Amino acid sequence: MVFVGQRGLGRWQELEVCASIDRCVADQVSVLPMPLPGVADPPPELLFLRQFSFVRFRKPVFEAEPLRRLVDAVTG
């Protein structure tokens, strides 16, 4: 999962995104972008993440539909 906040990615998150993309290609591991509330869809600096399914929580984490999509994405 790639959590993206209103200030974009920090240095560690950038490294995690690169590692996630590498694993996606090499090991067929899913990448799941998760823009946090208030983030553009997707943030301009992460346009390449459009190729992946997004899970967006607009309200509290217990919002039913995004939570179902998150569980489906994680469990396959």
PDB file of N, CA and C in Angstrom:
ATOM      1  N   MET A   1       0.835  -1.169   0.000  1.00  0.00           N
ATOM      2  CA  MET A   1       0.000   0.000   0.000  1.00  0.00           C
ATOM      3  C   MET A   1       0.883   1.237   0.000  1.00  0.00           C
ATOM      4  N   VAL A   2       0.460   2.213  -0.760  1.00  0.00           N
ATOM      5  CA  VAL A   2       1.148   3.489  -0.811  1.00  0.00           C
ATOM      6  C   VAL A   2       0.168   4.543  -0.301  1.00  0.00           C
ATOM      7  N   PHE A   3       0.389   5.022   0.921  1.00  0.00           N
ATOM      8  CA  PHE A   3      -0.457   6.064   1.484  1.00  0.00           C
ATOM      9  C   PHE A   3       0.090   7.409   1.043  1.00  0.00           C
ATOM     10  N   VAL A   4      -0.777   8.251   0.492  1.00  0.00           N
ATOM     11  CA  VAL A   4      -0.357   9.552  -0.018  1.00  0.00           C
ATOM     12  C   VAL A   4      -1.126  10.633   0.733  1.00  0.00           C
ATOM     13  N   GLY A   5      -0.401  11.503   1.430  1.00  0.00           N
ATOM     14  CA  GLY A   5      -1.011  12.597   2.170  1.00  0.00           C
ATOM     15  C   GLY A   5      -1.052  13.874   1.358  1.00  0.00           C
ATOM     16  N   GLN A   6      -1.565  14.922   1.964  1.00  0.00           N
ATOM     17  CA  GLN A   6      -1.719  16.205   1.270  1.00  0.00           C
ATOM     18  C   GLN A   6      -0.385  16.814   0.864  1.00  0.00           C
ATOM     19  N   ARG A   7       0.700  16.489   1.552  1.00  0.00           N
ATOM     20  CA  ARG A   7       2.011  17.037   1.195  1.00  0.00           C
ATOM     21  C   ARG A   7       2.781  16.121   0.253  1.00  0.00           C
ATOM     22  N   GLY A   8       2.110  15.127  -0.309  1.00  0.00           N
ATOM     23  CA  GLY A   8       2.777  14.216  -1.238  1.00  0.00           C
ATOM     24  C   GLY A   8       3.592  13.178  -0.509  1.00  0.00           C
ATOM     25  N   LEU A   9       4.679  12.772  -1.120  1.00  0.00           N
ATOM     26  CA  LEU A   9       5.525  11.732  -0.548  1.00  0.00           C
ATOM     27  C   LEU A   9       6.765  12.337   0.073  1.00  0.00           C
ATOM     28  N   GLY A  10       7.180  11.760   1.187  1.00  0.00           N
ATOM     29  CA  GLY A  10       8.462  12.111   1.779  1.00  0.00           C
ATOM     30  C   GLY A  10       9.545  11.224   1.197  1.00  0.00           C
ATOM     31  N   ARG A  11      10.777  11.406   1.682  1.00  0.00           N
ATOM     32  CA  ARG A  11      11.902  10.627   1.143  1.00  0.00           C
ATOM     33  C   ARG A  11      11.705   9.128   1.333  1.00  0.00           C
ATOM     34  N   TRP A  12      11.246   8.707   2.510  1.00  0.00           N
ATOM     35  CA  TRP A  12      11.058   7.289   2.761  1.00  0.00           C
ATOM     36  C   TRP A  12       9.947   6.718   1.897  1.00  0.00           C
ATOM     37  N   GLN A  13       8.880   7.481   1.743  1.00  0.00           N
ATOM     38  CA  GLN A  13       7.771   6.996   0.922  1.00  0.00           C
ATOM     39  C   GLN A  13       8.193   6.855  -0.533  1.00  0.00           C
ATOM     40  N   GLU A  14       9.019   7.764  -1.027  1.00  0.00           N
ATOM     41  CA  GLU A  14       9.511   7.652  -2.399  1.00  0.00           C
ATOM     42  C   GLU A  14      10.277   6.346  -2.579  1.00  0.00           C
ATOM     43  N   LEU A  15      11.128   6.011  -1.607  1.00  0.00           N
ATOM     44  CA  LEU A  15      11.874   4.746  -1.674  1.00  0.00           C
ATOM     45  C   LEU A  15      10.930   3.552  -1.621  1.00  0.00           C
ATOM     46  N   GLU A  16       9.902   3.642  -0.778  1.00  0.00           N
ATOM     47  CA  GLU A  16       8.942   2.548  -0.679  1.00  0.00           C
ATOM     48  C   GLU A  16       8.159   2.366  -1.971  1.00  0.00           C
ATOM     49  N   VAL A  17       7.798   3.465  -2.628  1.00  0.00           N
ATOM     50  CA  VAL A  17       7.086   3.372  -3.906  1.00  0.00           C
ATOM     51  C   VAL A  17       7.975   2.696  -4.942  1.00  0.00           C
ATOM     52  N   CYS A  18       9.236   3.109  -5.029  1.00  0.00           N
ATOM     53  CA  CYS A  18      10.160   2.484  -5.984  1.00  0.00           C
ATOM     54  C   CYS A  18      10.302   0.991  -5.715  1.00  0.00           C
ATOM     55  N   ALA A  19      10.453   0.623  -4.451  1.00  0.00           N
ATOM     56  CA  ALA A  19      10.579  -0.801  -4.104  1.00  0.00           C
ATOM     57  C   ALA A  19       9.294  -1.552  -4.431  1.00  0.00           C
ATOM     58  N   SER A  20       8.152  -0.924  -4.195  1.00  0.00           N
ATOM     59  CA  SER A  20       6.864  -1.567  -4.494  1.00  0.00           C
ATOM     60  C   SER A  20       6.701  -1.804  -5.986  1.00  0.00           C
ATOM     61  N   ILE A  21       7.056  -0.820  -6.791  1.00  0.00           N
ATOM     62  CA  ILE A  21       6.948  -0.968  -8.239  1.00  0.00           C
ATOM     63  C   ILE A  21       7.890  -2.072  -8.726  1.00  0.00           C
ATOM     64  N   ASP A  22       9.104  -2.113  -8.186  1.00  0.00           N
ATOM     65  CA  ASP A  22      10.049  -3.184  -8.545  1.00  0.00           C
ATOM     66  C   ASP A  22       9.465  -4.556  -8.224  1.00  0.00           C
ATOM     67  N   ARG A  23       8.886  -4.698  -7.036  1.00  0.00           N
ATOM     68  CA  ARG A  23       8.291  -5.986  -6.644  1.00  0.00           C
ATOM     69  C   ARG A  23       7.077  -6.305  -7.495  1.00  0.00           C
ATOM     70  N   CYS A  24       6.327  -5.283  -7.876  1.00  0.00           N
ATOM     71  CA  CYS A  24       5.154  -5.485  -8.730  1.00  0.00           C
ATOM     72  C   CYS A  24       5.579  -6.115 -10.047  1.00  0.00           C
ATOM     73  N   VAL A  25       6.647  -5.595 -10.617  1.00  0.00           N
ATOM     74  CA  VAL A  25       7.123  -6.089 -11.908  1.00  0.00           C
ATOM     75  C   VAL A  25       7.792  -7.453 -11.764  1.00  0.00           C
ATOM     76  N   ALA A  26       8.682  -7.594 -10.791  1.00  0.00           N
ATOM     77  CA  ALA A  26       9.472  -8.817 -10.662  1.00  0.00           C
ATOM     78  C   ALA A  26       8.686  -9.983 -10.063  1.00  0.00           C
ATOM     79  N   ASP A  27       7.877  -9.698  -9.048  1.00  0.00           N
ATOM     80  CA  ASP A  27       7.235 -10.772  -8.291  1.00  0.00           C
ATOM     81  C   ASP A  27       5.717 -10.769  -8.410  1.00  0.00           C
ATOM     82  N   GLN A  28       5.180  -9.913  -9.258  1.00  0.00           N
ATOM     83  CA  GLN A  28       3.735  -9.780  -9.450  1.00  0.00           C
ATOM     84  C   GLN A  28       3.003  -9.487  -8.134  1.00  0.00           C
ATOM     85  N   VAL A  29       3.605  -8.603  -7.322  1.00  0.00           N
ATOM     86  CA  VAL A  29       2.996  -8.148  -6.075  1.00  0.00           C
ATOM     87  C   VAL A  29       2.161  -6.914  -6.395  1.00  0.00           C
ATOM     88  N   SER A  30       0.968  -6.830  -5.815  1.00  0.00           N
ATOM     89  CA  SER A  30       0.091  -5.693  -6.092  1.00  0.00           C
ATOM     90  C   SER A  30       0.583  -4.420  -5.415  1.00  0.00           C
ATOM     91  N   VAL A  31       0.354  -3.297  -6.081  1.00  0.00           N
ATOM     92  CA  VAL A  31       0.592  -1.973  -5.509  1.00  0.00           C
ATOM     93  C   VAL A  31      -0.775  -1.335  -5.352  1.00  0.00           C
ATOM     94  N   LEU A  32      -1.062  -0.839  -4.160  1.00  0.00           N
ATOM     95  CA  LEU A  32      -2.367  -0.283  -3.862  1.00  0.00           C
ATOM     96  C   LEU A  32      -2.217   1.155  -3.372  1.00  0.00           C
ATOM     97  N   PRO A  33      -2.359   2.141  -4.281  1.00  0.00           N
ATOM     98  CA  PRO A  33      -2.293   3.535  -3.853  1.00  0.00           C
ATOM     99  C   PRO A  33      -3.508   3.885  -2.991  1.00  0.00           C
ATOM    100  N   MET A  34      -3.275   4.603  -1.897  1.00  0.00           N
ATOM    101  CA  MET A  34      -4.352   5.014  -1.003  1.00  0.00           C
ATOM    102  C   MET A  34      -4.219   6.501  -0.705  1.00  0.00           C
ATOM    103  N   PRO A  35      -4.831   7.357  -1.559  1.00  0.00           N
ATOM    104  CA  PRO A  35      -4.815   8.787  -1.270  1.00  0.00           C
ATOM    105  C   PRO A  35      -5.625   9.056  -0.006  1.00  0.00           C
ATOM    106  N   LEU A  36      -5.059   9.801   0.913  1.00  0.00           N
ATOM    107  CA  LEU A  36      -5.747  10.147   2.147  1.00  0.00           C
ATOM    108  C   LEU A  36      -6.710  11.300   1.896  1.00  0.00           C
ATOM    109  N   PRO A  37      -7.660  11.534   2.792  1.00  0.00           N
ATOM    110  CA  PRO A  37      -8.635  12.611   2.587  1.00  0.00           C
ATOM    111  C   PRO A  37      -7.965  13.945   2.247  1.00  0.00           C
ATOM    112  N   GLY A  38      -8.522  14.639   1.257  1.00  0.00           N
ATOM    113  CA  GLY A  38      -8.008  15.943   0.837  1.00  0.00           C
ATOM    114  C   GLY A  38      -6.940  15.894  -0.239  1.00  0.00           C
ATOM    115  N   VAL A  39      -6.604  14.703  -0.737  1.00  0.00           N
ATOM    116  CA  VAL A  39      -5.556  14.559  -1.749  1.00  0.00           C
ATOM    117  C   VAL A  39      -6.194  14.488  -3.128  1.00  0.00           C
ATOM    118  N   ALA A  40      -5.576  15.190  -4.100  1.00  0.00           N
ATOM    119  CA  ALA A  40      -6.055  15.150  -5.487  1.00  0.00           C
ATOM    120  C   ALA A  40      -6.034  13.705  -5.985  1.00  0.00           C
ATOM    121  N   ASP A  41      -6.767  13.427  -7.034  1.00  0.00           N
ATOM    122  CA  ASP A  41      -6.942  12.046  -7.501  1.00  0.00           C
ATOM    123  C   ASP A  41      -6.332  11.826  -8.864  1.00  0.00           C
ATOM    124  N   PRO A  42      -5.189  11.253  -9.024  1.00  0.00           N
ATOM    125  CA  PRO A  42      -4.100  11.103  -8.070  1.00  0.00           C
ATOM    126  C   PRO A  42      -3.292  12.389  -8.010  1.00  0.00           C
ATOM    127  N   PRO A  43      -2.411  12.523  -7.028  1.00  0.00           N
ATOM    128  CA  PRO A  43      -1.565  13.720  -6.961  1.00  0.00           C
ATOM    129  C   PRO A  43      -0.721  13.828  -8.228  1.00  0.00           C
ATOM    130  N   PRO A  44      -0.484  15.036  -8.710  1.00  0.00           N
ATOM    131  CA  PRO A  44       0.260  15.207  -9.970  1.00  0.00           C
ATOM    132  C   PRO A  44       1.605  14.494 -10.006  1.00  0.00           C
ATOM    133  N   GLU A  45       2.309  14.443  -8.874  1.00  0.00           N
ATOM    134  CA  GLU A  45       3.630  13.802  -8.881  1.00  0.00           C
ATOM    135  C   GLU A  45       3.548  12.282  -8.925  1.00  0.00           C
ATOM    136  N   LEU A  46       2.333  11.759  -8.830  1.00  0.00           N
ATOM    137  CA  LEU A  46       2.172  10.304  -8.834  1.00  0.00           C
ATOM    138  C   LEU A  46       1.247   9.839  -9.944  1.00  0.00           C
ATOM    139  N   LEU A  47       1.263  10.519 -11.074  1.00  0.00           N
ATOM    140  CA  LEU A  47       0.371  10.157 -12.170  1.00  0.00           C
ATOM    141  C   LEU A  47       0.566   8.727 -12.644  1.00  0.00           C
ATOM    142  N   PHE A  48       1.782   8.198 -12.486  1.00  0.00           N
ATOM    143  CA  PHE A  48       2.031   6.824 -12.928  1.00  0.00           C
ATOM    144  C   PHE A  48       1.230   5.810 -12.115  1.00  0.00           C
ATOM    145  N   LEU A  49       0.742   6.209 -10.931  1.00  0.00           N
ATOM    146  CA  LEU A  49      -0.057   5.292 -10.122  1.00  0.00           C
ATOM    147  C   LEU A  49      -1.463   5.105 -10.663  1.00  0.00           C
ATOM    148  N   ARG A  50      -1.846   5.863 -11.703  1.00  0.00           N
ATOM    149  CA  ARG A  50      -3.177   5.712 -12.298  1.00  0.00           C
ATOM    150  C   ARG A  50      -3.422   4.305 -12.820  1.00  0.00           C
ATOM    151  N   GLN A  51      -2.347   3.603 -13.169  1.00  0.00           N
ATOM    152  CA  GLN A  51      -2.510   2.258 -13.718  1.00  0.00           C
ATOM    153  C   GLN A  51      -2.941   1.249 -12.657  1.00  0.00           C
ATOM    154  N   PHE A  52      -2.896   1.634 -11.390  1.00  0.00           N
ATOM    155  CA  PHE A  52      -3.282   0.746 -10.299  1.00  0.00           C
ATOM    156  C   PHE A  52      -4.656   1.136  -9.769  1.00  0.00           C
ATOM    157  N   SER A  53      -5.335   0.197  -9.147  1.00  0.00           N
ATOM    158  CA  SER A  53      -6.627   0.478  -8.518  1.00  0.00           C
ATOM    159  C   SER A  53      -6.401   1.297  -7.255  1.00  0.00           C
ATOM    160  N   PHE A  54      -7.205   2.335  -7.097  1.00  0.00           N
ATOM    161  CA  PHE A  54      -7.121   3.181  -5.912  1.00  0.00           C
ATOM    162  C   PHE A  54      -8.151   2.739  -4.898  1.00  0.00           C
ATOM    163  N   VAL A  55      -7.828   2.891  -3.638  1.00  0.00           N
ATOM    164  CA  VAL A  55      -8.803   2.790  -2.559  1.00  0.00           C
ATOM    165  C   VAL A  55      -8.777   4.132  -1.860  1.00  0.00           C
ATOM    166  N   ARG A  56      -9.904   4.808  -1.867  1.00  0.00           N
ATOM    167  CA  ARG A  56      -9.952   6.152  -1.290  1.00  0.00           C
ATOM    168  C   ARG A  56     -10.963   6.186  -0.153  1.00  0.00           C
ATOM    169  N   PHE A  57     -10.466   6.629   0.998  1.00  0.00           N
ATOM    170  CA  PHE A  57     -11.339   6.875   2.138  1.00  0.00           C
ATOM    171  C   PHE A  57     -11.615   8.370   2.194  1.00  0.00           C
ATOM    172  N   ARG A  58     -12.842   8.773   1.993  1.00  0.00           N
ATOM    173  CA  ARG A  58     -13.203  10.185   2.058  1.00  0.00           C
ATOM    174  C   ARG A  58     -13.649  10.580   3.463  1.00  0.00           C
ATOM    175  N   LYS A  59     -14.051   9.579   4.229  1.00  0.00           N
ATOM    176  CA  LYS A  59     -14.540   9.795   5.585  1.00  0.00           C
ATOM    177  C   LYS A  59     -13.744   8.889   6.520  1.00  0.00           C
ATOM    178  N   PRO A  60     -14.243   8.601   7.705  1.00  0.00           N
ATOM    179  CA  PRO A  60     -13.502   7.716   8.618  1.00  0.00           C
ATOM    180  C   PRO A  60     -13.193   6.363   7.986  1.00  0.00           C
ATOM    181  N   VAL A  61     -12.187   5.713   8.520  1.00  0.00           N
ATOM    182  CA  VAL A  61     -11.689   4.456   7.969  1.00  0.00           C
ATOM    183  C   VAL A  61     -12.757   3.369   7.938  1.00  0.00           C
ATOM    184  N   PHE A  62     -13.824   3.512   8.709  1.00  0.00           N
ATOM    185  CA  PHE A  62     -14.856   2.481   8.741  1.00  0.00           C
ATOM    186  C   PHE A  62     -15.907   2.651   7.654  1.00  0.00           C
ATOM    187  N   GLU A  63     -15.658   3.518   6.686  1.00  0.00           N
ATOM    188  CA  GLU A  63     -16.557   3.700   5.549  1.00  0.00           C
ATOM    189  C   GLU A  63     -16.643   2.360   4.806  1.00  0.00           C
ATOM    190  N   ALA A  64     -17.841   1.856   4.595  1.00  0.00           N
ATOM    191  CA  ALA A  64     -18.052   0.472   4.145  1.00  0.00           C
ATOM    192  C   ALA A  64     -17.434   0.147   2.784  1.00  0.00           C
ATOM    193  N   GLU A  65     -17.725   0.904   1.749  1.00  0.00           N
ATOM    194  CA  GLU A  65     -17.272   0.543   0.396  1.00  0.00           C
ATOM    195  C   GLU A  65     -15.746   0.563   0.258  1.00  0.00           C
ATOM    196  N   PRO A  66     -15.054   1.622   0.663  1.00  0.00           N
ATOM    197  CA  PRO A  66     -13.592   1.570   0.561  1.00  0.00           C
ATOM    198  C   PRO A  66     -12.983   0.465   1.410  1.00  0.00           C
ATOM    199  N   LEU A  67     -13.558   0.202   2.574  1.00  0.00           N
ATOM    200  CA  LEU A  67     -13.033  -0.858   3.420  1.00  0.00           C
ATOM    201  C   LEU A  67     -13.178  -2.218   2.733  1.00  0.00           C
ATOM    202  N   ARG A  68     -14.306  -2.457   2.065  1.00  0.00           N
ATOM    203  CA  ARG A  68     -14.506  -3.699   1.317  1.00  0.00           C
ATOM    204  C   ARG A  68     -13.490  -3.818   0.185  1.00  0.00           C
ATOM    205  N   ARG A  69     -13.267  -2.702  -0.545  1.00  0.00           N
ATOM    206  CA  ARG A  69     -12.287  -2.719  -1.651  1.00  0.00           C
ATOM    207  C   ARG A  69     -10.876  -2.970  -1.127  1.00  0.00           C
ATOM    208  N   LEU A  70     -10.559  -2.419   0.037  1.00  0.00           N
ATOM    209  CA  LEU A  70      -9.243  -2.639   0.623  1.00  0.00           C
ATOM    210  C   LEU A  70      -9.052  -4.096   0.988  1.00  0.00           C
ATOM    211  N   VAL A  71     -10.042  -4.683   1.633  1.00  0.00           N
ATOM    212  CA  VAL A  71      -9.969  -6.108   2.001  1.00  0.00           C
ATOM    213  C   VAL A  71      -9.851  -6.961   0.748  1.00  0.00           C
ATOM    214  N   ASP A  72     -10.626  -6.668  -0.290  1.00  0.00           N
ATOM    215  CA  ASP A  72     -10.546  -7.428  -1.547  1.00  0.00           C
ATOM    216  C   ASP A  72      -9.166  -7.323  -2.180  1.00  0.00           C
ATOM    217  N   ALA A  73      -8.592  -6.119  -2.158  1.00  0.00           N
ATOM    218  CA  ALA A  73      -7.274  -5.908  -2.763  1.00  0.00           C
ATOM    219  C   ALA A  73      -6.186  -6.663  -2.002  1.00  0.00           C
ATOM    220  N   VAL A  74      -6.280  -6.661  -0.707  1.00  0.00           N
ATOM    221  CA  VAL A  74      -5.260  -7.317   0.112  1.00  0.00           C
ATOM    222  C   VAL A  74      -5.387  -8.841   0.050  1.00  0.00           C
ATOM    223  N   THR A  75      -6.601  -9.340   0.042  1.00  0.00           N
ATOM    224  CA  THR A  75      -6.791 -10.785   0.063  1.00  0.00           C
ATOM    225  C   THR A  75      -6.829 -11.427  -1.325  1.00  0.00           C
ATOM    226  N   GLY A  76      -6.931 -10.578  -2.358  1.00  0.00           N
ATOM    227  CA  GLY A  76      -6.937 -11.094  -3.712  1.00  0.00           C
ATOM    228  C   GLY A  76      -8.307 -11.523  -4.109  1.00  0.00           C
TER     229      GLY A  76
END
